[in-house]
Protein backbone atom coordinates (compact mmCIF):
# COMPACT_ATOMS: atom_id res chain seq x y z
CA MET A 1 208.17 116.84 102.25
CA ASP A 2 209.95 119.70 104.03
CA ALA A 3 208.78 121.64 107.09
CA GLU A 4 207.53 124.81 104.87
CA HIS A 5 204.98 122.19 103.57
CA VAL A 6 204.20 120.91 107.02
CA ASN A 7 203.91 124.56 108.25
CA ALA A 8 201.56 125.46 105.66
CA VAL A 9 199.26 122.53 106.38
CA ILE A 10 199.05 123.45 110.15
CA ASN A 11 198.63 127.24 109.26
CA ASN A 12 195.71 126.39 106.79
CA ILE A 13 194.09 124.37 109.36
CA SER A 14 194.33 126.56 111.95
CA ASN A 15 192.88 129.54 109.99
CA LYS A 16 190.09 127.14 109.03
CA LEU A 17 189.42 126.30 112.59
CA GLY A 18 190.06 130.14 113.63
CA ILE A 19 192.25 129.57 116.08
CA VAL A 20 196.13 130.37 116.40
CA ALA A 21 198.38 127.40 116.33
CA ASN A 22 202.22 127.25 116.52
CA GLY A 23 202.17 123.63 116.09
CA VAL A 24 200.42 120.54 115.67
CA ASN A 25 200.25 120.10 119.68
CA ASP A 26 197.95 123.12 119.74
CA LEU A 27 195.85 121.52 117.03
CA VAL A 28 195.31 117.80 118.51
CA PRO A 29 192.21 118.65 120.73
CA GLU A 30 190.62 120.18 117.59
CA PHE A 31 191.35 117.07 115.45
CA ILE A 32 189.88 114.90 118.51
CA LYS A 33 186.64 116.94 118.57
CA LEU A 34 186.40 116.78 114.61
CA GLY A 35 187.18 113.10 114.33
CA ILE A 36 184.90 112.20 117.00
CA SER A 37 182.06 114.21 115.80
CA SER A 38 182.38 113.42 112.27
CA SER A 39 182.20 109.92 113.15
CA VAL A 40 179.27 110.16 115.35
CA VAL A 41 177.19 111.99 112.97
CA GLY A 42 178.16 109.38 110.09
CA ILE A 43 176.70 106.66 112.61
CA ILE A 44 173.52 108.55 113.27
CA PHE A 45 172.88 108.93 109.58
CA GLU A 46 173.98 105.52 108.54
CA ILE A 47 171.56 104.08 111.04
CA ILE A 48 168.71 106.30 110.26
CA THR A 49 169.24 105.22 106.69
CA LEU A 50 169.42 101.50 107.74
CA ILE A 51 166.15 101.64 109.25
CA LEU A 52 164.29 103.36 106.24
CA LEU A 53 165.86 101.12 103.96
CA SER A 54 164.88 98.08 106.08
CA PHE A 55 161.54 99.62 106.37
CA VAL A 56 161.12 99.87 102.39
CA ALA A 57 162.25 96.31 101.76
CA VAL A 58 159.98 94.82 104.25
CA LYS A 59 157.34 96.83 102.89
CA MET A 60 157.96 95.81 99.19
CA PHE A 61 158.28 92.21 100.19
CA SER A 62 154.93 91.93 102.17
CA ARG A 63 153.37 93.57 98.88
CA ILE A 64 154.82 90.55 96.84
CA GLU A 65 151.77 87.97 96.83
CA ASN A 66 153.42 85.23 94.96
CA VAL A 67 157.15 84.77 95.53
CA ASP A 68 157.47 82.50 92.55
CA GLU A 69 155.81 84.82 90.06
CA PHE A 70 158.86 87.36 89.13
CA ASP A 71 157.22 89.16 86.31
CA ASP A 72 153.95 90.23 88.00
CA ASP A 73 155.36 92.42 90.64
CA ILE A 74 158.64 93.46 88.98
CA PHE A 75 158.70 97.02 90.80
CA GLU A 76 158.46 95.56 94.06
CA TRP A 77 161.37 93.01 93.42
CA ILE A 78 163.55 95.62 91.86
CA THR A 79 162.65 98.21 95.10
CA MET A 80 163.25 95.33 97.36
CA ILE A 81 166.59 94.07 95.67
CA THR A 82 168.18 97.57 95.58
CA SER A 83 166.95 98.09 99.24
CA ILE A 84 168.92 95.02 100.14
CA VAL A 85 171.82 96.24 98.21
CA PHE A 86 171.89 99.73 99.71
CA ILE A 87 171.45 97.87 103.34
CA ILE A 88 174.68 95.88 102.74
CA VAL A 89 176.60 99.01 101.64
CA PHE A 90 175.24 101.26 104.43
CA ALA A 91 176.08 98.26 106.86
CA PHE A 92 179.80 98.47 105.72
CA ALA A 93 180.08 102.20 105.80
CA LEU A 94 178.47 102.13 109.68
CA ILE A 95 181.25 99.39 110.40
CA PHE A 96 183.94 101.55 109.14
CA ASP A 97 182.61 104.87 111.13
CA VAL A 98 182.59 102.72 114.12
CA ASN A 99 185.77 101.55 113.68
CA ASP A 100 186.98 105.02 113.05
CA LEU A 101 185.11 106.34 116.39
CA VAL A 102 186.61 103.65 118.24
CA GLY A 103 190.13 104.65 117.10
CA TRP A 104 189.32 107.99 117.97
CA ILE A 105 188.29 106.97 121.87
CA ILE A 106 191.20 104.41 122.42
CA SER A 107 193.95 106.48 120.89
CA PRO A 108 192.92 110.04 120.33
CA ASN A 109 196.46 111.23 119.60
CA ALA A 110 197.45 108.61 117.30
CA LYS A 111 194.58 109.11 115.23
CA ALA A 112 195.28 112.99 115.30
CA ILE A 113 198.70 112.27 113.89
CA GLU A 114 197.23 109.86 111.22
CA TYR A 115 194.85 112.61 110.20
CA VAL A 116 197.35 115.37 110.09
CA LEU A 117 199.83 112.89 108.11
CA GLY A 118 196.70 112.39 105.52
CA LEU A 119 196.55 116.06 105.18
CA ILE A 120 200.31 116.33 104.24
CA GLY A 121 200.11 113.50 102.14
CA ASN A 122 197.09 115.07 100.14
CA THR A 123 198.92 118.45 99.65
């Protein structure tokens, strides 16, 4: 990776953000806003999804009359088990996004550098 690639990434990012940037330092505040806002949006989405999936799982479990008879209420069982699996998946995603948000709040400059290095590594 040479300076030409780094400058190309910086110019590309600044063009997408609609700002003039002479270097990474000009973009750090924008990276901080982007990181925090994307983490917050992800957290809100995941919390809403977890609430809805929990509601579906509880509703399906309450519809099952006899827990010992698996065959009679197969649709309810499948819906409840699928909801529980997705609850687990979204809970892990929520943990990841909260961890990311805490990183942006505690050390925004370090997260901005990590973000830029990730962009440079992906080019």
